[in-house]
Amino acid sequence: MRNNTIASAARIWLTRTFKPFEFTSKYEDDLPFSRCDDLGLYIHIPFCRRICKFCPYCKTYYQKEICDKYIEALIKEIHMIGGKTKAKKKVTSLYFGGGTPALAAERLPEIISAVGEHFYITDGIGTELHPDNVTVSLLTQLRSAGVTKISIGVQSFGRKYANILGREPTDIKVLKYALSKVKFDTVSIDLIFALPHQTFADIKKDIDTAFYVGGNHVAIYPFIDFTFTKSKIPAMNNPEKKILLEKTVKYCTSKGYERTSIWTFSSVKNAEYSSMTRDNFLGFGCSATTLLKDRFKINTFSVKEYCRRIENKMLPTSLTIHFTKRQRMVYYLFWKLYSTQLDPADFERFFGTKLGRMYGAELFLGVCFGLLERRNGKYLLTAKGTYYYHFFENFYTLSYIDKMWGIMRRRAFPEKMILK
């Protein structure tokens, strides 16, 4: 109840209206992305050999026949959407998420080729990997396909926490050897913190190991107890979480790692990995989302219904929201601040109005309360601000994303969804 109250109050305050976020199932064929700048691409591969109970993402057990059928549908969706423009559209990046995209590694070149018929990628291709996927042969295959960034979901190198998460411990020697033989621009290691009885010493060891094996970027995500997963792992209380987060940030800063977002640190310049922090993006595959200047849409979570829609030459959209201007601004600000800084000039270019005119009072209060500081014309989150962003993000996730994904997992095409 507390999560919903805080998220709802913030929504009403920032959007200046009691109007909730309302998604409808009304089918739309148009996707006006050709006029969008800073457009990214995301492709979802939902198949896994094992299902982690704590994982909230859309996934299903791998069967080669079903996977192949899904890939055929995925390629058709890319052509359906990409074919809406006459000339190739410049996009920033392409990310493969899952699930376990490596299970379709042999077909990634085919998918990337389909993308290349309609889009020109400027900033590289990334893919998520399970630690078991990280072999010299697989990495070589990915590199040959054009992949330049990888994100490895280790979660924890410690046997104790791997067991808590229902994972096999990662073989550090195998991982280090493979990463030393095949080079990528970004090697990101995903770690989870705030697990039961986890100490700073545990997290520090995980961070040191991540960089030791060849990572140049770590993403340290808090454990979130989604209501619809089968996980029985208890969530850590906020005071303990706050102490762990503060110590983790202080340690990474002392090591000279650059903070590239609320939860990520890099050991080298320009080592970045995020599929979400783009102004606009197109999503392909089941459960993939699309964000444009005036709308946000979600594809069905059902692999079967996804393929059926594509066979009928229909977009697999399940739900769509058409933003009010203020709703879109709130979404924009949330993800910009995830990167720990906000540029008023970028806001004005995107919305055609000044940031101070729309949210001057909030920015003033943010500076007064020590959450923000003004530097070189930009607003930067302070150490205090980054903690409270993290704190609020937890409310947002449990109030909105938890409800949204829970509904989508139960029904392929819900009639509507209202997030208050």
Protein backbone atom coordinates (compact mmCIF):
# COMPACT_ATOMS: atom_id res chain seq x y z
CA MET A 1 0.00 0.00 0.00
CA ARG A 2 2.84 2.40 0.90
CA ASN A 3 4.52 1.80 -2.48
CA ASN A 4 1.31 2.68 -4.34
CA THR A 5 0.66 5.77 -2.22
CA ILE A 6 4.12 7.27 -2.77
CA ALA A 7 4.18 6.47 -6.50
CA SER A 8 0.63 7.80 -6.95
CA ALA A 9 1.38 11.04 -5.08
CA ALA A 10 4.48 11.60 -7.19
CA ARG A 11 2.50 10.94 -10.39
CA ILE A 12 -0.24 13.42 -9.48
CA TRP A 13 2.26 16.08 -8.43
CA LEU A 14 4.57 15.79 -11.44
CA THR A 15 1.89 15.36 -14.12
CA ARG A 16 -0.30 18.08 -12.54
CA THR A 17 -3.39 15.92 -12.94
CA PHE A 18 -5.26 13.06 -11.27
CA LYS A 19 -5.36 11.27 -14.65
CA PRO A 20 -3.72 7.82 -14.24
CA PHE A 21 -1.49 6.06 -16.75
CA GLU A 22 -4.11 4.34 -18.91
CA PHE A 23 -3.16 1.64 -21.41
CA THR A 24 -5.66 0.37 -24.00
CA SER A 25 -5.74 -2.62 -26.36
CA LYS A 26 -6.94 -0.58 -29.35
CA TYR A 27 -4.96 -1.86 -32.34
CA GLU A 28 -2.77 0.64 -34.20
CA ASP A 29 -0.68 -0.06 -37.25
CA ASP A 30 1.25 3.21 -37.39
CA LEU A 31 4.52 3.78 -35.55
CA PRO A 32 5.79 7.30 -36.28
CA PHE A 33 9.46 6.63 -35.50
CA SER A 34 10.99 8.13 -38.65
CA ARG A 35 10.97 11.61 -37.13
CA CYS A 36 12.51 10.46 -33.83
CA ASP A 37 16.10 11.39 -33.05
CA ASP A 38 18.34 9.32 -30.75
CA LEU A 39 16.37 6.19 -31.62
CA GLY A 40 17.56 2.86 -30.26
CA LEU A 41 16.54 -0.73 -30.99
CA TYR A 42 15.81 -3.62 -28.62
CA ILE A 43 15.20 -7.28 -29.49
CA HIS A 44 13.91 -9.81 -26.97
CA ILE A 45 14.88 -13.50 -27.09
CA PRO A 46 12.77 -15.16 -24.35
CA PHE A 47 14.29 -18.65 -24.22
CA CYS A 48 16.23 -20.15 -21.30
CA ARG A 49 17.47 -23.64 -20.51
CA ARG A 50 16.81 -23.00 -16.81
CA ILE A 51 14.36 -20.52 -15.29
CA CYS A 52 15.70 -18.47 -12.39
CA LYS A 53 12.89 -18.06 -9.84
CA PHE A 54 13.88 -14.48 -8.97
CA CYS A 55 13.92 -13.26 -12.59
CA PRO A 56 10.92 -11.05 -13.52
CA TYR A 57 11.54 -10.89 -17.25
CA CYS A 58 9.53 -12.60 -19.98
CA LYS A 59 11.06 -16.02 -20.62
CA THR A 60 10.15 -19.60 -21.45
CA TYR A 61 11.95 -22.94 -21.64
CA TYR A 62 14.08 -23.41 -24.73
CA GLN A 63 12.90 -25.78 -27.45
CA LYS A 64 14.73 -25.49 -30.74
CA GLU A 65 11.65 -25.90 -32.92
CA ILE A 66 9.73 -23.18 -31.08
CA CYS A 67 12.79 -20.94 -30.97
CA ASP A 68 13.27 -21.22 -34.74
CA LYS A 69 9.60 -20.41 -35.36
CA TYR A 70 9.92 -17.42 -33.05
CA ILE A 71 13.02 -16.14 -34.88
CA GLU A 72 11.16 -16.35 -38.20
CA ALA A 73 8.35 -14.26 -36.71
CA LEU A 74 10.86 -11.83 -35.21
CA ILE A 75 12.49 -11.22 -38.58
CA LYS A 76 9.08 -10.63 -40.13
CA GLU A 77 8.25 -8.09 -37.42
CA ILE A 78 11.52 -6.25 -38.12
CA HIS A 79 10.60 -6.02 -41.80
CA MET A 80 6.99 -5.03 -41.02
CA ILE A 81 8.12 -2.09 -38.93
CA GLY A 82 11.35 -1.22 -40.71
CA GLY A 83 9.58 -1.24 -44.05
CA LYS A 84 7.48 1.75 -42.98
CA THR A 85 10.33 4.09 -44.01
CA LYS A 86 11.68 4.51 -47.53
CA ALA A 87 15.25 5.30 -46.51
CA LYS A 88 17.39 3.65 -43.84
CA LYS A 89 16.85 5.19 -40.42
CA LYS A 90 19.90 6.07 -38.32
CA VAL A 91 19.72 4.49 -34.85
CA THR A 92 22.11 4.67 -31.94
CA SER A 93 22.33 1.06 -30.89
CA LEU A 94 20.84 -2.42 -30.93
CA TYR A 95 20.47 -4.57 -27.82
CA PHE A 96 19.53 -8.22 -27.52
CA GLY A 97 17.95 -9.13 -24.18
CA GLY A 98 16.24 -12.12 -22.69
CA GLY A 99 15.95 -14.77 -21.75
CA THR A 100 19.22 -16.08 -23.09
CA PRO A 101 20.00 -14.60 -26.52
CA ALA A 102 23.01 -16.91 -26.89
CA LEU A 103 20.61 -19.82 -27.44
CA ALA A 104 19.86 -18.21 -30.81
CA ALA A 105 23.50 -17.24 -31.48
CA GLU A 106 23.62 -19.07 -34.82
CA ARG A 107 20.75 -16.92 -36.07
CA LEU A 108 21.89 -13.56 -34.71
CA PRO A 109 23.68 -12.71 -38.01
CA GLU A 110 20.39 -13.33 -39.82
CA ILE A 111 18.52 -11.06 -37.40
CA ILE A 112 21.20 -8.36 -37.57
CA SER A 113 21.11 -8.54 -41.37
CA ALA A 114 17.33 -7.97 -41.32
CA VAL A 115 17.82 -4.96 -39.05
CA GLY A 116 20.52 -3.67 -41.40
CA GLU A 117 18.08 -3.54 -44.31
CA HIS A 118 16.14 -0.77 -42.58
CA PHE A 119 18.41 0.78 -39.94
CA TYR A 120 21.94 2.13 -39.76
CA ILE A 121 23.50 1.48 -36.32
CA THR A 122 26.02 4.11 -35.16
CA ASP A 123 27.00 3.09 -31.61
CA GLY A 124 27.27 -0.68 -31.62
CA ILE A 125 25.41 -3.89 -30.87
CA GLY A 126 25.07 -5.41 -27.42
CA THR A 127 23.78 -8.69 -26.06
CA GLU A 128 23.09 -10.21 -22.67
CA LEU A 129 24.84 -13.48 -21.78
CA HIS A 130 24.55 -16.13 -19.10
CA PRO A 131 27.99 -16.92 -17.59
CA ASP A 132 27.73 -20.45 -19.07
CA ASN A 133 27.65 -18.87 -22.54
CA VAL A 134 31.02 -17.18 -22.14
CA THR A 135 33.33 -19.43 -24.13
CA VAL A 136 35.92 -18.51 -26.74
CA SER A 137 33.90 -20.10 -29.53
CA LEU A 138 30.64 -18.34 -28.62
CA LEU A 139 32.31 -14.97 -28.10
CA THR A 140 34.12 -15.31 -31.43
CA GLN A 141 30.80 -16.08 -33.10
CA LEU A 142 29.22 -12.98 -31.56
CA ARG A 143 32.14 -10.76 -32.53
CA SER A 144 31.95 -12.01 -36.12
CA ALA A 145 28.23 -11.16 -36.18
CA GLY A 146 29.04 -7.54 -35.25
CA VAL A 147 28.39 -7.59 -31.49
CA THR A 148 30.56 -4.97 -29.76
CA LYS A 149 29.14 -5.01 -26.22
CA ILE A 150 28.24 -7.84 -23.87
CA SER A 151 26.50 -7.94 -20.51
CA ILE A 152 27.09 -11.05 -18.41
CA GLY A 153 24.45 -11.87 -15.77
CA VAL A 154 26.73 -13.26 -13.06
CA GLN A 155 24.61 -11.83 -10.17
CA SER A 156 27.20 -13.06 -7.63
CA PHE A 157 30.53 -14.87 -7.86
CA GLY A 158 30.11 -16.19 -4.32
CA ARG A 159 28.87 -19.76 -3.96
CA LYS A 160 26.63 -18.79 -1.03
CA TYR A 161 24.69 -16.17 -2.98
CA ALA A 162 24.65 -18.16 -6.20
CA ASN A 163 22.94 -20.90 -4.21
CA ILE A 164 20.44 -18.42 -2.75
CA LEU A 165 19.60 -17.30 -6.29
CA GLY A 166 19.34 -20.90 -7.53
CA ARG A 167 22.37 -20.52 -9.80
CA GLU A 168 25.49 -22.61 -10.32
CA PRO A 169 28.65 -20.75 -9.21
CA THR A 170 30.49 -19.04 -12.08
CA ASP A 171 33.82 -20.59 -13.06
CA ILE A 172 36.12 -17.59 -12.71
CA LYS A 173 39.05 -19.14 -14.58
CA VAL A 174 36.95 -20.08 -17.61
CA LEU A 175 35.34 -16.63 -17.68
CA LYS A 176 38.66 -14.80 -17.41
CA TYR A 177 40.28 -16.92 -20.11
CA ALA A 178 37.46 -16.44 -22.62
CA LEU A 179 37.29 -12.68 -22.05
CA SER A 180 41.06 -12.40 -22.51
CA LYS A 181 40.87 -14.07 -25.93
CA VAL A 182 37.97 -12.14 -27.49
CA LYS A 183 37.76 -8.37 -27.02
CA PHE A 184 34.64 -6.19 -26.83
CA ASP A 185 34.23 -2.45 -26.37
CA THR A 186 32.13 -3.02 -23.27
CA VAL A 187 32.20 -6.06 -21.02
CA SER A 188 29.55 -5.44 -18.39
CA ILE A 189 29.08 -7.72 -15.40
CA ASP A 190 25.65 -7.71 -13.72
CA LEU A 191 25.72 -8.09 -9.93
CA ILE A 192 22.88 -8.14 -7.40
CA PHE A 193 23.15 -6.51 -3.98
CA ALA A 194 20.84 -6.43 -0.94
CA LEU A 195 20.54 -10.21 -0.74
CA PRO A 196 19.84 -11.80 2.69
CA HIS A 197 22.72 -11.23 5.15
CA GLN A 198 24.92 -9.83 2.38
CA THR A 199 27.76 -7.67 3.69
CA PHE A 200 29.84 -4.96 2.08
CA ALA A 201 32.79 -7.38 2.09
CA ASP A 202 30.70 -9.75 -0.08
CA ILE A 203 29.84 -6.98 -2.55
CA LYS A 204 33.41 -5.65 -2.62
CA LYS A 205 34.70 -9.12 -3.48
CA ASP A 206 32.16 -9.43 -6.31
CA ILE A 207 33.14 -6.02 -7.71
CA ASP A 208 36.87 -6.80 -7.56
CA THR A 209 36.30 -10.17 -9.21
CA ALA A 210 34.18 -8.60 -11.98
CA PHE A 211 37.02 -6.30 -13.01
CA TYR A 212 39.63 -9.03 -12.47
CA VAL A 213 38.02 -11.44 -14.95
CA GLY A 214 37.97 -8.80 -17.69
CA GLY A 215 34.94 -6.61 -17.08
CA ASN A 216 35.30 -2.88 -17.68
CA HIS A 217 31.79 -2.02 -16.48
CA VAL A 218 29.72 -3.31 -13.55
CA ALA A 219 25.99 -2.95 -12.96
CA ILE A 220 25.14 -3.38 -9.29
CA TYR A 221 21.36 -3.82 -9.10
CA PRO A 222 19.34 -4.11 -5.90
CA PHE A 223 17.37 -7.30 -5.41
CA ILE A 224 13.66 -6.56 -5.93
CA ASP A 225 11.03 -9.00 -4.70
CA PHE A 226 8.45 -9.02 -7.51
CA THR A 227 5.07 -10.37 -6.39
CA PHE A 228 4.56 -12.62 -9.43
CA THR A 229 7.86 -14.52 -9.29
CA LYS A 230 8.32 -17.80 -7.43
CA SER A 231 11.26 -16.45 -5.46
CA LYS A 232 11.19 -16.92 -1.69
CA ILE A 233 14.21 -14.71 -1.09
CA PRO A 234 13.36 -12.06 1.54
CA ALA A 235 14.06 -8.44 0.65
CA MET A 236 16.61 -6.52 2.75
CA ASN A 237 15.23 -3.64 4.81
CA ASN A 238 15.90 -0.09 3.61
CA PRO A 239 18.30 1.05 6.40
CA GLU A 240 20.62 -1.91 5.72
CA LYS A 241 20.30 -1.37 1.98
CA LYS A 242 21.21 2.31 2.36
CA ILE A 243 24.41 1.49 4.26
CA LEU A 244 25.43 -1.11 1.66
CA LEU A 245 24.75 1.27 -1.21
CA GLU A 246 26.72 4.11 0.39
CA LYS A 247 29.73 1.87 1.07
CA THR A 248 29.59 0.44 -2.44
CA VAL A 249 29.52 3.87 -4.08
CA LYS A 250 32.32 5.14 -1.85
CA TYR A 251 34.47 2.10 -2.67
CA CYS A 252 33.94 2.33 -6.44
CA THR A 253 34.71 6.05 -6.38
CA SER A 254 37.90 5.45 -4.36
CA LYS A 255 39.03 2.98 -7.04
CA GLY A 256 38.64 5.64 -9.72
CA TYR A 257 35.66 4.00 -11.42
CA GLU A 258 33.40 6.41 -13.28
CA ARG A 259 29.77 6.36 -12.24
CA THR A 260 27.77 6.17 -15.48
CA SER A 261 24.33 5.74 -13.90
CA ILE A 262 22.64 5.13 -10.57
CA TRP A 263 23.87 1.52 -10.46
CA THR A 264 26.77 1.33 -12.94
CA PHE A 265 30.51 2.00 -12.75
CA SER A 266 33.15 1.85 -15.50
CA SER A 267 36.90 1.38 -15.28
CA VAL A 268 37.53 2.87 -18.73
CA LYS A 269 36.08 5.82 -20.63
CA ASN A 270 33.02 5.15 -22.82
CA ALA A 271 32.40 1.64 -21.48
CA GLU A 272 28.60 1.84 -21.23
CA TYR A 273 25.74 -0.63 -21.43
CA SER A 274 22.08 0.28 -21.13
CA SER A 275 19.09 -0.68 -23.24
CA MET A 276 16.78 1.84 -21.56
CA THR A 277 18.39 5.28 -21.41
CA ARG A 278 17.53 6.41 -24.93
CA ASP A 279 15.07 9.19 -25.75
CA ASN A 280 13.15 6.85 -28.09
CA PHE A 281 13.41 3.17 -28.97
CA LEU A 282 11.73 0.44 -30.97
CA GLY A 283 11.22 -2.98 -29.40
CA PHE A 284 10.94 -6.25 -31.35
CA GLY A 285 9.86 -9.62 -29.97
CA CYS A 286 7.46 -10.72 -27.26
CA SER A 287 7.32 -8.40 -24.19
CA ALA A 288 9.46 -5.81 -25.98
CA THR A 289 8.46 -2.19 -25.45
CA THR A 290 8.52 0.76 -27.82
CA LEU A 291 8.90 4.35 -26.66
CA LEU A 292 8.18 7.22 -29.03
CA LYS A 293 7.62 10.90 -28.40
CA ASP A 294 3.86 10.53 -27.98
CA ARG A 295 3.34 6.90 -26.93
CA PHE A 296 4.58 3.77 -25.19
CA LYS A 297 3.56 0.28 -26.31
CA ILE A 298 4.16 -3.24 -25.05
CA ASN A 299 4.19 -6.42 -27.14
CA THR A 300 2.36 -9.50 -25.89
CA PHE A 301 4.24 -11.70 -23.40
CA SER A 302 2.97 -14.88 -25.08
CA VAL A 303 5.37 -16.50 -27.58
CA LYS A 304 2.48 -18.41 -29.17
CA GLU A 305 0.26 -15.33 -29.57
CA TYR A 306 3.22 -13.26 -30.73
CA CYS A 307 3.89 -15.69 -33.59
CA ARG A 308 0.18 -15.88 -34.42
CA ARG A 309 -0.12 -12.11 -34.71
CA ILE A 310 2.90 -11.91 -37.02
CA GLU A 311 1.52 -14.75 -39.19
CA ASN A 312 -1.65 -12.67 -39.58
CA LYS A 313 0.50 -9.68 -40.62
CA MET A 314 -0.42 -7.72 -37.51
CA LEU A 315 1.86 -5.97 -35.04
CA PRO A 316 2.05 -7.98 -31.78
CA THR A 317 1.16 -4.97 -29.63
CA SER A 318 -0.78 -5.85 -26.52
CA LEU A 319 -1.23 -2.47 -24.81
CA THR A 320 -0.54 1.16 -25.71
CA ILE A 321 -0.59 4.44 -23.81
CA HIS A 322 -0.76 7.81 -25.55
CA PHE A 323 1.04 10.21 -23.25
CA THR A 324 -0.13 13.61 -22.17
CA LYS A 325 2.74 16.08 -22.51
CA ARG A 326 3.41 16.06 -18.76
CA GLN A 327 3.33 12.23 -18.60
CA ARG A 328 5.95 12.04 -21.33
CA MET A 329 8.06 14.62 -19.51
CA VAL A 330 7.97 12.59 -16.30
CA TYR A 331 9.08 9.46 -18.18
CA TYR A 332 11.88 11.44 -19.84
CA LEU A 333 13.09 12.96 -16.57
CA PHE A 334 13.02 9.62 -14.73
CA TRP A 335 15.40 7.96 -17.19
CA LYS A 336 17.61 11.02 -17.68
CA LEU A 337 18.18 11.20 -13.93
CA TYR A 338 19.02 7.49 -13.97
CA SER A 339 22.23 8.60 -15.70
CA THR A 340 22.73 10.98 -12.69
CA GLN A 341 22.55 14.18 -14.74
CA LEU A 342 20.00 16.31 -16.53
CA ASP A 343 20.74 18.83 -19.29
CA PRO A 344 18.08 21.58 -19.62
CA ALA A 345 19.20 22.19 -23.22
CA ASP A 346 18.41 18.57 -24.15
CA PHE A 347 15.00 18.85 -22.49
CA GLU A 348 14.21 22.01 -24.47
CA ARG A 349 15.29 20.40 -27.75
CA PHE A 350 13.08 17.39 -27.10
CA PHE A 351 9.95 19.13 -25.84
CA GLY A 352 10.25 22.61 -27.34
CA THR A 353 9.87 24.28 -23.95
CA LYS A 354 12.21 25.20 -21.11
CA LEU A 355 12.80 22.77 -18.26
CA GLY A 356 12.62 25.58 -15.69
CA ARG A 357 9.24 26.68 -16.95
CA MET A 358 7.79 23.18 -16.47
CA TYR A 359 9.61 22.03 -13.33
CA GLY A 360 11.41 25.07 -11.92
CA ALA A 361 9.92 24.65 -8.43
CA GLU A 362 10.93 20.97 -8.22
CA LEU A 363 14.47 21.74 -9.35
CA PHE A 364 14.75 24.59 -6.83
CA LEU A 365 13.61 22.32 -4.01
CA GLY A 366 15.96 19.57 -5.20
CA VAL A 367 18.92 21.94 -4.91
CA CYS A 368 17.73 23.31 -1.54
CA PHE A 369 17.40 19.82 -0.05
CA GLY A 370 20.79 18.73 -1.35
CA LEU A 371 19.44 16.23 -3.89
CA LEU A 372 20.72 18.17 -6.91
CA GLU A 373 23.56 20.53 -7.68
CA ARG A 374 23.97 22.88 -10.64
CA ARG A 375 27.23 22.59 -12.56
CA ASN A 376 28.15 23.82 -16.05
CA GLY A 377 24.50 24.46 -16.84
CA LYS A 378 23.42 20.91 -15.92
CA TYR A 379 21.69 19.40 -12.90
CA LEU A 380 23.65 16.59 -11.26
CA LEU A 381 22.35 14.17 -8.66
CA THR A 382 24.31 14.40 -5.41
CA ALA A 383 25.23 11.36 -3.32
CA LYS A 384 22.07 12.04 -1.32
CA GLY A 385 20.06 12.45 -4.50
CA THR A 386 21.25 9.16 -5.99
CA TYR A 387 20.19 7.31 -2.86
CA TYR A 388 16.72 8.83 -2.90
CA TYR A 389 16.41 8.13 -6.63
CA HIS A 390 17.21 4.50 -5.87
CA PHE A 391 14.72 4.59 -2.98
CA PHE A 392 11.95 6.01 -5.19
CA GLU A 393 12.79 3.64 -8.06
CA ASN A 394 11.92 0.77 -5.75
CA PHE A 395 8.44 2.26 -5.15
CA TYR A 396 8.00 2.89 -8.88
CA THR A 397 8.98 -0.69 -9.75
CA LEU A 398 6.67 -2.33 -7.23
CA SER A 399 3.76 0.01 -7.98
CA TYR A 400 3.89 0.07 -11.77
CA ILE A 401 6.25 -2.45 -13.36
CA ASP A 402 5.27 -5.25 -10.98
CA LYS A 403 1.58 -4.71 -11.74
CA MET A 404 2.14 -4.25 -15.48
CA TRP A 405 4.24 -7.39 -15.94
CA GLY A 406 1.98 -9.39 -13.64
CA ILE A 407 -1.06 -8.58 -15.81
CA MET A 408 0.82 -9.19 -19.06
CA ARG A 409 2.02 -12.61 -17.90
CA ARG A 410 -1.56 -13.71 -17.15
CA ARG A 411 -3.21 -12.47 -20.35
CA ALA A 412 -1.75 -12.16 -23.83
CA PHE A 413 -4.01 -9.24 -24.76
CA PRO A 414 -5.66 -7.55 -21.74
CA GLU A 415 -8.51 -5.15 -22.54
CA LYS A 416 -6.89 -2.29 -20.68
CA MET A 417 -4.56 -1.49 -17.79
CA ILE A 418 -4.77 1.48 -15.45
CA LEU A 419 -1.78 2.43 -13.29
CA LYS A 420 -2.75 4.95 -10.62
